[in-house]
C-alpha cells in the first residue's frame, strides 16, 4: 500500500521521508556548488592553484557557509561541459589581457587614466546569475562592482581607463557577453530564451540610472 492520499499529488510515505529528502538533496547540492565556487575564488585571489590553497579554500568556504549562511539560491539549470570550457577559456583570456593593460598603464609615465561608473541591466535577474556575473566581472582587472540592484537586475560597475563613449559601450557589451556565457554554461532553458529576448523598456528611474555618457569622476587618484 502506498502512503499517498487521493488527490494530494504526494508520493511521501507516512513519515514524509521522500518528500523531505528532495528538498534536503537540493539544499545539499546548492551548498556544494557554493563551496566549489568559494574555493575557486580563494585560489584566484592567491594567484595559483596548490594543495595548500585548495585545503585553505575548503576550510574558509566551509566556515563562511556555516557561520554566515546565505539566503537559499535555487539552481534550476543544467551543466553544459562545452559551454563551461568556453566560459573558463574566455575568462582566462580576458584576465590575461586586462592584467597586461593595467600593467602597461601602471608603468606609463605621466599618463592619468580616467574612470567611469556605468549601470548594466542583466537579462537574467536571478540571484545566482547576478552573483556569478558580478564575481566574474570583479575578478578581471579594470572593472569593479560598486553596487547591485536586485529588483531591477542592475550592476553598477566602475570601469578603468575610459577614453570616450565607445569604451563605455564596449564595457557594457563585454559584461552582457559574460552574463551570456554564464547562462549558456549553467542556465535553464527559460533563461537561455531570455538572452535572445529584446531588452525590457526602461522606466524613468532606471533610464536615469543607466546614462549613455560616462559619469566621470575625474582622474583616478
Protein backbone atom coordinates (compact mmCIF):
# COMPACT_ATOMS: atom_id res chain seq x y z
CA UNK A 1 0.00 0.00 0.00
CA UNK A 2 1.20 3.48 -0.84
CA UNK A 3 1.18 6.30 1.67
CA UNK A 4 -0.24 8.73 -0.94
CA UNK A 5 -3.66 10.21 -0.25
CA UNK A 6 -6.01 10.56 -3.24
CA UNK A 7 -5.82 13.92 -4.91
CA UNK A 8 -2.91 15.39 -2.98
CA UNK A 9 -0.25 14.52 -5.57
CA UNK A 10 2.18 13.46 -2.85
CA UNK A 11 4.47 10.46 -3.07
CA UNK A 12 5.59 10.67 0.57
CA UNK A 13 5.38 7.83 2.99
CA UNK A 14 3.75 8.33 6.38
CA UNK A 15 6.97 9.82 7.73
CA UNK A 16 7.38 12.19 4.77
CA UNK A 17 10.81 10.76 4.07
CA UNK A 18 10.80 11.02 0.28
CA UNK A 19 9.27 14.49 0.13
CA UNK A 20 11.66 15.83 2.72
CA UNK A 21 14.65 14.09 1.13
CA UNK A 22 14.23 16.01 -2.14
CA UNK A 23 14.48 19.50 -0.56
CA UNK A 24 17.40 18.31 1.55
CA UNK A 25 19.14 16.98 -1.56
CA UNK A 26 18.57 20.30 -3.35
CA UNK A 27 19.96 22.27 -0.43
CA UNK A 28 22.99 19.99 -0.20
CA UNK A 29 23.66 20.41 -3.91
CA UNK A 30 23.38 24.21 -3.65
CA UNK A 31 25.78 24.26 -0.70
CA UNK A 32 28.23 22.07 -2.58
CA UNK A 33 28.12 24.37 -5.62
CA UNK A 34 28.63 27.40 -3.36
CA UNK A 35 31.59 25.70 -1.70
CA UNK A 36 33.20 24.86 -5.04
CA UNK A 37 32.76 28.47 -6.19
CA UNK A 38 34.27 29.83 -2.96
CA UNK A 39 37.27 27.52 -3.31
CA UNK A 40 37.76 28.73 -6.89
CA UNK A 41 37.58 32.39 -5.85
CA UNK A 42 40.03 31.71 -2.98
CA UNK A 43 42.53 30.12 -5.38
CA UNK A 44 42.20 33.03 -7.82
CA UNK A 45 42.81 35.53 -5.05
CA UNK A 46 46.05 33.74 -4.14
CA UNK A 47 47.05 33.69 -7.81
CA UNK A 48 47.91 30.00 -8.04
CA UNK A 49 46.41 26.57 -7.50
CA UNK A 50 48.11 24.36 -4.92
CA UNK A 51 47.09 21.73 -2.40
CA UNK A 52 47.56 24.25 0.40
CA UNK A 53 45.30 26.80 -1.30
CA UNK A 54 42.67 24.16 -2.03
CA UNK A 55 42.63 22.97 1.58
CA UNK A 56 42.60 26.56 2.83
CA UNK A 57 39.77 27.41 0.44
CA UNK A 58 37.75 24.43 1.65
CA UNK A 59 38.20 25.48 5.28
CA UNK A 60 37.38 29.14 4.61
CA UNK A 61 34.42 28.26 2.38
CA UNK A 62 33.02 25.81 4.93
CA UNK A 63 33.39 28.43 7.68
CA UNK A 64 31.63 31.07 5.56
CA UNK A 65 28.72 28.75 4.77
CA UNK A 66 28.48 27.63 8.41
CA UNK A 67 28.76 30.95 10.25
CA UNK A 68 27.43 33.31 7.56
CA UNK A 69 24.68 31.32 5.83
CA UNK A 70 23.46 32.91 2.63
CA UNK A 71 19.82 33.02 1.54
CA UNK A 72 18.85 29.86 -0.36
CA UNK A 73 19.66 30.19 -4.06
CA UNK A 74 17.90 27.66 -6.26
CA UNK A 75 19.85 26.16 -9.13
CA UNK A 76 17.31 25.20 -11.76
CA UNK A 77 19.60 24.90 -14.77
CA UNK A 78 21.88 22.22 -16.10
CA UNK A 79 25.63 21.99 -16.53
CA UNK A 80 26.88 22.07 -20.13
CA UNK A 81 30.53 20.92 -20.30
CA UNK A 82 31.43 22.58 -23.60
CA UNK A 83 29.89 25.92 -22.57
CA UNK A 84 31.75 25.65 -19.24
CA UNK A 85 35.03 25.23 -21.12
CA UNK A 86 34.22 28.24 -23.30
CA UNK A 87 33.39 30.27 -20.17
CA UNK A 88 36.64 29.28 -18.45
CA UNK A 89 38.77 29.85 -21.55
CA UNK A 90 37.30 33.27 -22.29
CA UNK A 91 37.60 34.28 -18.62
CA UNK A 92 41.31 33.37 -18.54
CA UNK A 93 41.89 35.22 -21.83
CA UNK A 94 40.19 38.39 -20.56
CA UNK A 95 42.06 38.09 -17.27
CA UNK A 96 45.44 38.00 -19.03
CA UNK A 97 44.61 40.80 -21.47
CA UNK A 98 43.23 43.07 -18.73
CA UNK A 99 46.23 42.39 -16.48
CA UNK A 100 48.63 43.38 -19.26
CA UNK A 101 46.59 46.51 -19.99
CA UNK A 102 46.59 47.63 -16.34
CA UNK A 103 50.31 46.84 -16.01
CA UNK A 104 51.12 48.96 -19.06
CA UNK A 105 49.19 51.89 -17.61
CA UNK A 106 50.96 51.48 -14.26
CA UNK A 107 54.40 51.88 -15.87
CA UNK A 108 53.36 54.57 -18.36
CA UNK A 109 54.96 57.84 -17.16
CA UNK A 110 52.68 60.84 -16.89
CA UNK A 111 49.50 59.08 -18.03
CA UNK A 112 46.49 59.52 -15.73
CA UNK A 113 43.63 57.18 -16.70
CA UNK A 114 40.05 58.27 -16.25
CA UNK A 115 37.36 56.11 -14.69
CA UNK A 116 33.60 55.99 -15.10
CA UNK A 117 30.59 54.45 -13.38
CA UNK A 118 28.12 52.62 -15.59
CA UNK A 119 24.92 50.70 -14.90
CA UNK A 120 24.26 47.49 -16.84
CA UNK A 121 20.89 45.74 -16.71
CA UNK A 122 21.21 41.96 -16.90
CA UNK A 123 18.68 39.91 -18.81
CA UNK A 124 18.51 37.05 -16.27
CA UNK A 125 17.75 38.54 -12.85
CA UNK A 126 18.13 35.51 -10.60
CA UNK A 127 20.31 35.89 -7.51
CA UNK A 128 22.65 33.18 -8.78
CA UNK A 129 23.22 34.88 -12.13
CA UNK A 130 23.68 38.29 -10.50
CA UNK A 131 26.24 36.85 -8.07
CA UNK A 132 28.20 34.86 -10.66
CA UNK A 133 28.28 37.68 -13.20
CA UNK A 134 29.34 40.20 -10.55
CA UNK A 135 32.13 37.89 -9.33
CA UNK A 136 33.39 37.19 -12.84
CA UNK A 137 33.49 40.91 -13.66
CA UNK A 138 35.21 41.93 -10.42
CA UNK A 139 37.94 39.31 -10.80
CA UNK A 140 39.05 40.87 -14.10
CA UNK A 141 41.38 43.88 -13.53
CA UNK A 142 39.92 47.18 -14.68
CA UNK A 143 36.30 46.52 -13.71
CA UNK A 144 34.83 46.51 -10.21
CA UNK A 145 31.27 46.06 -8.95
CA UNK A 146 30.20 49.06 -6.88
CA UNK A 147 26.58 48.11 -6.15
CA UNK A 148 23.87 45.65 -7.20
CA UNK A 149 20.17 46.39 -7.59
CA UNK A 150 18.47 43.00 -7.21
CA UNK A 151 14.98 44.28 -8.01
CA UNK A 152 15.90 45.81 -11.38
CA UNK A 153 18.79 43.43 -12.15
CA UNK A 154 21.28 46.30 -12.39
CA UNK A 155 25.02 46.06 -11.86
CA UNK A 156 26.82 49.33 -11.11
CA UNK A 157 30.35 48.92 -12.40
CA UNK A 158 33.44 51.10 -12.14
CA UNK A 159 35.35 50.97 -15.43
CA UNK A 160 39.05 51.80 -15.61
CA UNK A 161 40.75 53.82 -18.36
CA UNK A 162 37.77 55.31 -20.19
CA UNK A 163 38.70 57.50 -23.16
CA UNK A 164 35.29 58.04 -24.72
CA UNK A 165 31.70 56.80 -25.14
CA UNK A 166 32.90 53.89 -27.29
CA UNK A 167 34.76 52.45 -24.28
CA UNK A 168 31.54 52.51 -22.24
CA UNK A 169 29.67 50.71 -24.99
CA UNK A 170 32.41 48.09 -25.20
CA UNK A 171 32.32 47.63 -21.42
CA UNK A 172 28.55 47.09 -21.41
CA UNK A 173 28.77 44.61 -24.26
CA UNK A 174 31.59 42.75 -22.51
CA UNK A 175 29.57 42.48 -19.30
CA UNK A 176 26.49 41.23 -21.15
CA UNK A 177 28.67 38.75 -23.05
CA UNK A 178 29.99 37.44 -19.73
CA UNK A 179 26.43 37.02 -18.48
CA UNK A 180 25.50 35.17 -21.68
CA UNK A 181 28.42 32.73 -21.31
CA UNK A 182 27.45 32.00 -17.70
CA UNK A 183 23.82 31.38 -18.61
CA UNK A 184 24.79 29.15 -21.54
CA UNK A 185 27.05 27.17 -19.20
CA UNK A 186 24.64 26.58 -16.31
CA UNK A 187 21.31 28.23 -17.15
CA UNK A 188 17.92 26.69 -17.69
CA UNK A 189 16.05 26.60 -21.00
CA UNK A 190 13.87 29.53 -19.90
CA UNK A 191 16.96 31.58 -19.01
CA UNK A 192 18.52 30.81 -22.38
CA UNK A 193 15.43 32.20 -24.10
CA UNK A 194 15.83 35.43 -22.14
CA UNK A 195 19.21 36.00 -23.80
CA UNK A 196 17.51 36.32 -27.19
CA UNK A 197 14.60 38.44 -25.95
CA UNK A 198 14.67 42.20 -26.60
CA UNK A 199 15.71 44.28 -23.58
CA UNK A 200 12.82 45.46 -21.39
CA UNK A 201 11.65 49.04 -21.70
CA UNK A 202 13.44 51.17 -19.13
CA UNK A 203 11.41 53.15 -16.66
CA UNK A 204 12.23 56.79 -15.91
CA UNK A 205 14.12 55.79 -12.79
CA UNK A 206 16.15 53.05 -14.43
CA UNK A 207 16.80 55.17 -17.52
CA UNK A 208 18.27 57.87 -15.34
CA UNK A 209 20.42 55.27 -13.61
CA UNK A 210 21.78 53.96 -16.92
CA UNK A 211 23.02 57.01 -18.87
CA UNK A 212 24.78 56.73 -22.19
CA UNK A 213 27.60 59.24 -21.50
CA UNK A 214 30.19 58.40 -18.85
CA UNK A 215 29.73 59.68 -15.33
CA UNK A 216 33.32 60.86 -14.98
CA UNK A 217 34.62 61.41 -11.51
CA UNK A 218 37.84 62.96 -12.75
CA UNK A 219 41.23 61.26 -12.94
CA UNK A 220 41.62 58.26 -10.71
CA UNK A 221 43.83 59.01 -7.77
